[in-house]
Protein backbone atom coordinates (compact mmCIF):
# COMPACT_ATOMS: atom_id res chain seq x y z
CA MET A 1 7.99 9.46 24.24
CA VAL A 2 5.61 8.81 21.34
CA TYR A 3 5.90 5.68 19.21
CA TYR A 4 4.44 5.32 15.70
CA PRO A 5 3.79 1.76 14.50
CA VAL A 6 5.10 0.54 11.16
CA GLN A 7 4.34 -2.86 9.63
CA THR A 8 6.20 -4.19 6.61
CA LEU A 9 4.48 -6.61 4.25
CA THR A 10 5.15 -8.73 1.19
CA VAL A 11 2.77 -8.37 -1.77
CA GLY A 12 1.17 -11.71 -2.65
CA THR A 13 -1.06 -10.85 -5.63
CA ALA A 14 -0.21 -8.66 -8.63
CA GLY A 15 -2.53 -5.76 -9.29
CA LEU A 16 -3.73 -2.28 -8.43
CA LEU A 17 -3.84 -1.52 -4.70
CA THR A 18 -7.43 -0.48 -4.05
CA SER A 19 -7.75 -0.46 -0.29
CA VAL A 20 -6.00 -0.96 3.03
CA GLU A 21 -8.06 -2.05 6.02
CA LEU A 22 -6.85 -1.51 9.57
CA ASP A 23 -8.29 -2.37 12.97
CA VAL A 24 -7.88 0.80 15.04
CA GLN A 25 -9.51 2.68 17.87
CA ARG A 26 -9.25 6.29 19.04
CA LEU A 27 -8.17 6.38 22.68
CA SER A 28 -8.26 10.15 23.20
CA GLY A 29 -8.38 13.46 21.36
CA MET A 30 -9.96 14.40 18.04
CA GLY A 31 -6.84 14.93 15.93
CA THR A 32 -6.01 13.17 12.70
CA LEU A 33 -4.58 9.77 11.87
CA THR A 34 -2.21 9.63 8.88
CA VAL A 35 -1.69 6.27 7.17
CA SER A 36 1.36 6.25 4.87
CA LEU A 37 2.78 3.69 2.42
CA PHE A 38 6.50 3.38 1.69
CA PRO A 39 8.51 0.91 -0.39
CA VAL A 40 10.91 -1.20 1.66
CA VAL A 41 14.43 -0.84 0.27
CA GLN A 42 16.15 -2.91 2.95
CA GLU A 43 14.45 -4.93 5.71
CA TYR A 44 17.24 -5.41 8.23
CA ASN A 45 20.26 -3.78 9.87
CA PRO A 46 18.78 -1.12 9.82
CA PRO A 47 15.54 -1.13 7.82
CA VAL A 48 15.46 1.44 5.02
CA PHE A 49 12.27 2.80 3.49
CA GLY A 50 12.05 4.60 0.15
CA SER A 51 10.17 7.80 -0.66
CA LEU A 52 6.53 8.13 0.34
CA LEU A 53 4.19 6.39 -2.16
CA ALA A 54 0.87 7.59 -0.74
CA ALA A 55 -0.71 8.95 2.43
CA ILE A 56 -4.29 9.29 3.60
CA VAL A 57 -5.32 11.54 6.48
CA VAL A 58 -8.31 10.34 8.50
CA ALA A 59 -10.26 12.72 10.74
CA GLY A 60 -10.18 11.61 14.38
CA GLU A 61 -13.96 11.58 14.68
CA ALA A 62 -14.08 9.06 11.80
CA VAL A 63 -12.32 6.52 14.03
CA SER A 64 -14.44 4.81 16.69
CA THR A 65 -13.49 4.77 20.37
CA SER A 66 -13.96 0.99 20.27
CA MET A 67 -11.83 -1.30 18.11
CA SER A 68 -13.22 -1.28 14.57
CA THR A 69 -12.08 -1.71 10.98
CA ILE A 70 -11.48 1.34 8.81
CA ALA A 71 -11.07 1.00 5.05
CA LEU A 72 -8.82 3.47 3.26
CA ASP A 73 -9.23 3.96 -0.50
CA PHE A 74 -5.82 3.97 -2.21
CA SER A 75 -7.17 3.27 -5.73
CA THR A 76 -6.74 6.89 -6.90
CA TYR A 77 -2.96 6.66 -6.41
CA GLY A 78 -2.58 4.08 -9.21
CA LEU A 79 -0.16 1.93 -7.21
CA VAL A 80 0.46 -1.34 -9.08
CA PHE A 81 2.48 -4.03 -7.35
CA ALA A 82 3.91 -7.43 -8.25
CA PRO A 83 4.20 -10.49 -6.00
CA GLY A 84 7.24 -10.16 -3.77
CA ASP A 85 7.23 -6.35 -3.65
CA ARG A 86 7.89 -5.07 -0.11
CA LEU A 87 5.88 -2.25 1.45
CA ALA A 88 5.58 -0.55 4.83
CA ILE A 89 2.37 0.81 6.36
CA ALA A 90 3.03 3.57 8.90
CA LEU A 91 0.59 5.27 11.27
CA GLN A 92 1.07 8.71 12.75
CA ALA A 93 -1.36 10.41 15.12
CA GLY A 94 -2.00 14.14 15.04
CA ALA A 95 -1.40 16.43 18.01
CA ALA A 96 -2.98 15.45 21.35
CA THR A 97 -4.54 12.29 19.90
CA LEU A 98 -3.87 8.67 20.78
CA PHE A 99 -4.81 5.71 18.59
CA ASN A 100 -4.50 2.00 19.23
CA TRP A 101 -3.76 -0.34 16.32
CA ALA A 102 -4.88 -3.95 16.76
CA ALA A 103 -2.12 -6.54 16.73
CA ASN A 104 -1.81 -10.25 16.08
CA TYR A 105 0.06 -12.81 18.13
CA PRO A 106 3.83 -12.28 18.36
CA ASN A 107 5.49 -12.70 14.97
CA SER A 108 2.41 -14.41 13.50
CA TYR A 109 2.77 -12.70 10.10
CA ASN A 110 5.68 -14.23 8.19
CA GLY A 111 5.54 -11.70 5.33
CA GLY A 112 6.79 -8.71 7.31
CA ILE A 113 8.08 -7.21 10.52
CA SER A 114 6.63 -4.74 13.00
CA TYR A 115 8.68 -1.65 13.86
CA SER A 116 8.09 1.59 15.75
CA PHE A 117 9.32 5.06 14.88
CA ILE A 118 10.30 7.03 17.98
CA GLY A 119 9.01 10.61 18.00
CA GLY A 120 7.79 10.74 14.38
CA LEU A 121 8.24 9.28 10.91
CA ASP A 122 11.65 10.93 10.64
CA GLY A 123 12.82 9.61 14.03
CA PRO A 124 14.86 6.53 14.88
CA LEU A 125 13.32 3.16 14.05
CA ILE A 126 13.29 0.23 16.47
CA TYR A 127 12.30 -3.41 15.97
CA ASN A 128 9.04 -4.26 17.72
CA ALA A 129 9.35 -7.92 18.71
CA ASN A 130 6.01 -7.90 20.49
CA PHE A 131 3.26 -8.18 17.89
CA ASP A 132 2.63 -7.90 14.17
CA VAL A 133 0.02 -5.32 13.25
CA ALA A 134 -3.45 -6.37 12.05
CA PHE A 135 -4.09 -5.17 8.49
CA ARG A 136 -5.51 -6.30 5.17
CA THR A 137 -4.67 -5.05 1.69
CA LEU A 138 -7.10 -5.39 -1.20
CA VAL A 139 -5.71 -5.65 -4.73
CA ASP A 140 -7.62 -5.52 -8.02
CA PRO A 141 -5.83 -7.91 -10.41
CA THR A 142 -7.97 -6.62 -13.31
CA GLY A 143 -6.56 -3.13 -12.72
CA LEU A 144 -3.40 -4.14 -14.55
CA VAL A 145 -2.91 -2.56 -17.96
CA THR A 146 -1.77 -5.09 -20.52
CA VAL A 147 0.82 -4.01 -23.05
CA PRO A 148 0.81 -5.83 -26.40
CA GLU A 149 3.97 -7.66 -27.34
CA PRO A 150 5.93 -6.55 -30.46
CA ALA A 151 4.85 -9.59 -32.52
CA SER A 152 1.18 -8.73 -31.95
CA LEU A 153 1.82 -5.15 -33.07
CA ALA A 154 3.59 -6.41 -36.21
CA LEU A 155 0.68 -8.72 -37.03
CA PHE A 156 -1.79 -5.86 -36.48
CA GLY A 157 0.28 -3.58 -38.77
CA ALA A 158 0.46 -6.25 -41.49
CA GLY A 159 -3.32 -6.60 -41.32
CA LEU A 160 -3.79 -2.85 -41.76
CA LEU A 161 -1.43 -2.83 -44.75
CA GLY A 162 -3.39 -5.72 -46.27
CA LEU A 163 -6.68 -3.85 -45.81
CA ALA A 164 -5.17 -0.73 -47.38
CA ALA A 165 -4.00 -2.78 -50.40
CA VAL A 166 -7.46 -4.34 -50.86
CA MET A 167 -9.15 -0.94 -50.61
CA ARG A 168 -6.70 0.53 -53.13
CA ARG A 169 -7.46 -2.27 -55.62
CA ARG A 170 -11.20 -1.68 -55.37
CA VAL A 171 -10.84 2.04 -56.01
CA VAL A 172 -8.94 1.53 -59.32
């Protein structure tokens, strides 16, 4: 039976998700490693994940046979999150390939829960009480696009009308 690790997390800083870093190692094979992000709709009884937000496929040879950190660039997906948003990071190995994902002490991450899919990302999901998965997300808070408030737009429009009136007076 093949198990695929999933770690839920709680967003702490608003901004554009730029990168996800994972501590992984390739145990055998040269297949791919797919890292997927899902929104968490419901955390418990049973957990429910929304539609896939983004996925990055990593070539097996790009992952070391010793435990090392890989950084995955998610900035091109334009995923903007707010504090408190819930996400799930899922790993799935390609055919005939085994990967090991570093873990922290049992239940040491209070912002999420570790699960395992059995047989694939569409298989049953079980709670993994053993260890939380080691990961780090990098967010660019300047990547947020600010939208002007209506009062600012009204003030800007009044200024343009004033300029137009002054220009009209000078022409006459």
